[in-house]
Amino acid sequence: MSKSKQFSPEVRERAVRLVHEHRAEYPSLWAAIESIAPKIGCVPQTLLTWVQRHEIDSGVRSGVTTAETKRVKELERENRELRRANEILKLASAFFAQAELDRRLKS
C-alpha cells in the first residue's frame, strides 16, 4: 500500500487561488476543479476539499475553522493529560492514606 502524496501549504494555497481566479471561465466550480487538479498533481476531490476548507476558514462557508479544530484538539489533549494526572494523584493519595493508617495501627 503506497503512502498518500503530501502537498505543501504553498501548493495548496496556489491551487485554491487558481480555482478562484479561473472559476468564471468554467460552467461550474466542479468543472474548474476538474481542469486545475491534474495541473497540480492531485485528484479533483482533494482540490475540492482544499477549496471548501479555504471557504470555511475565510468565512464564506459555514463550518468549523481550522483554527477552531486545532484549539479543540489541544484542549482535548490537555484534558486527557489532566485526567491522567488526576488519576495518579488519587492513587497516590489512597496509597499514603493507607500507609498512614498502617502506621497508626502499629504504634
Protein backbone atom coordinates (compact mmCIF):
# COMPACT_ATOMS: atom_id res chain seq x y z
CA MET A 1 0.00 0.00 0.00
CA SER A 2 1.50 3.34 -1.01
CA LYS A 3 1.54 6.38 1.21
CA SER A 4 -0.62 9.28 0.07
CA LYS A 5 1.12 12.22 -1.51
CA GLN A 6 1.68 15.21 0.75
CA PHE A 7 1.30 18.71 -0.63
CA SER A 8 2.95 21.75 0.89
CA PRO A 9 0.77 24.60 2.17
CA GLU A 10 2.13 26.76 -0.66
CA VAL A 11 0.92 24.29 -3.30
CA ARG A 12 -2.49 24.09 -1.64
CA GLU A 13 -2.81 27.89 -1.49
CA ARG A 14 -1.75 28.22 -5.13
CA ALA A 15 -4.25 25.57 -6.22
CA VAL A 16 -7.11 27.22 -4.35
CA ARG A 17 -6.12 30.61 -5.74
CA LEU A 18 -6.12 29.17 -9.28
CA VAL A 19 -9.61 27.76 -8.78
CA HIS A 20 -10.92 31.11 -7.54
CA GLU A 21 -9.16 33.08 -10.29
CA HIS A 22 -10.40 30.86 -13.13
CA ARG A 23 -13.84 29.95 -11.72
CA ALA A 24 -15.64 32.33 -14.11
CA GLU A 25 -14.14 30.55 -17.13
CA TYR A 26 -16.00 27.30 -16.32
CA PRO A 27 -19.70 26.46 -16.09
CA SER A 28 -19.35 25.18 -12.50
CA LEU A 29 -16.95 25.04 -9.60
CA TRP A 30 -16.51 21.31 -10.16
CA ALA A 31 -15.55 21.87 -13.81
CA ALA A 32 -12.89 24.36 -12.74
CA ILE A 33 -11.59 21.93 -10.13
CA GLU A 34 -11.50 19.03 -12.61
CA SER A 35 -9.48 21.16 -15.00
CA ILE A 36 -6.99 22.50 -12.46
CA ALA A 37 -6.44 19.39 -10.29
CA PRO A 38 -4.32 17.46 -12.85
CA LYS A 39 -2.10 20.51 -13.30
CA ILE A 40 -1.39 20.49 -9.57
CA GLY A 41 -0.94 16.72 -9.47
CA CYS A 42 -3.87 15.84 -7.24
CA VAL A 43 -7.29 14.31 -7.69
CA PRO A 44 -10.28 16.65 -8.04
CA GLN A 45 -11.82 15.56 -4.73
CA THR A 46 -8.67 16.62 -2.89
CA LEU A 47 -8.71 20.03 -4.51
CA LEU A 48 -12.43 20.39 -3.73
CA THR A 49 -11.65 19.67 -0.07
CA TRP A 50 -8.95 22.37 -0.08
CA VAL A 51 -11.33 24.89 -1.67
CA GLN A 52 -14.05 24.10 0.86
CA ARG A 53 -11.57 24.35 3.75
CA HIS A 54 -10.41 27.74 2.45
CA GLU A 55 -14.02 28.95 2.18
CA ILE A 56 -14.75 27.85 5.76
CA ASP A 57 -11.57 29.47 7.10
CA SER A 58 -12.30 32.73 5.27
CA GLY A 59 -15.92 32.82 6.49
CA VAL A 60 -17.56 32.35 3.08
CA ARG A 61 -18.93 28.92 4.02
CA SER A 62 -20.26 27.88 7.40
CA GLY A 63 -18.39 25.25 9.37
CA VAL A 64 -15.65 24.74 11.92
CA THR A 65 -12.48 26.60 11.00
CA THR A 66 -9.03 25.05 11.03
CA ALA A 67 -8.06 27.23 14.00
CA GLU A 68 -11.11 26.09 15.97
CA THR A 69 -10.41 22.45 15.15
CA LYS A 70 -6.79 22.84 16.25
CA ARG A 71 -7.89 24.52 19.51
CA VAL A 72 -10.38 21.73 20.27
CA LYS A 73 -7.69 19.09 19.70
CA GLU A 74 -5.30 20.96 22.01
CA LEU A 75 -7.98 21.19 24.71
CA GLU A 76 -8.84 17.50 24.35
CA ARG A 77 -5.15 16.58 24.71
CA GLU A 78 -4.81 18.83 27.75
CA ASN A 79 -7.97 17.29 29.22
CA ARG A 80 -6.57 13.76 28.76
CA GLU A 81 -3.31 14.78 30.44
CA LEU A 82 -5.15 16.37 33.37
CA ARG A 83 -7.34 13.29 33.78
CA ARG A 84 -4.22 11.09 33.87
CA ALA A 85 -2.55 13.38 36.40
CA ASN A 86 -5.72 13.42 38.50
CA GLU A 87 -5.87 9.62 38.47
CA ILE A 88 -2.23 9.40 39.55
CA LEU A 89 -2.89 11.86 42.39
CA LYS A 90 -5.93 9.86 43.53
CA LEU A 91 -3.90 6.65 43.61
CA ALA A 92 -1.05 8.36 45.45
CA SER A 93 -3.46 9.87 47.96
CA ALA A 94 -5.04 6.48 48.61
CA PHE A 95 -1.60 4.89 48.98
CA PHE A 96 -0.40 7.47 51.51
CA ALA A 97 -3.69 7.39 53.40
CA GLN A 98 -3.36 3.62 53.74
CA ALA A 99 0.25 3.98 54.82
CA GLU A 100 -0.79 6.49 57.49
CA LEU A 101 -3.49 4.10 58.78
CA ASP A 102 -0.98 1.25 58.92
CA ARG A 103 1.50 3.45 60.81
CA ARG A 104 -1.14 4.45 63.38
CA LEU A 105 -2.22 0.83 63.90
CA LYS A 106 1.37 -0.28 64.57
CA SER A 107 2.01 2.43 67.15
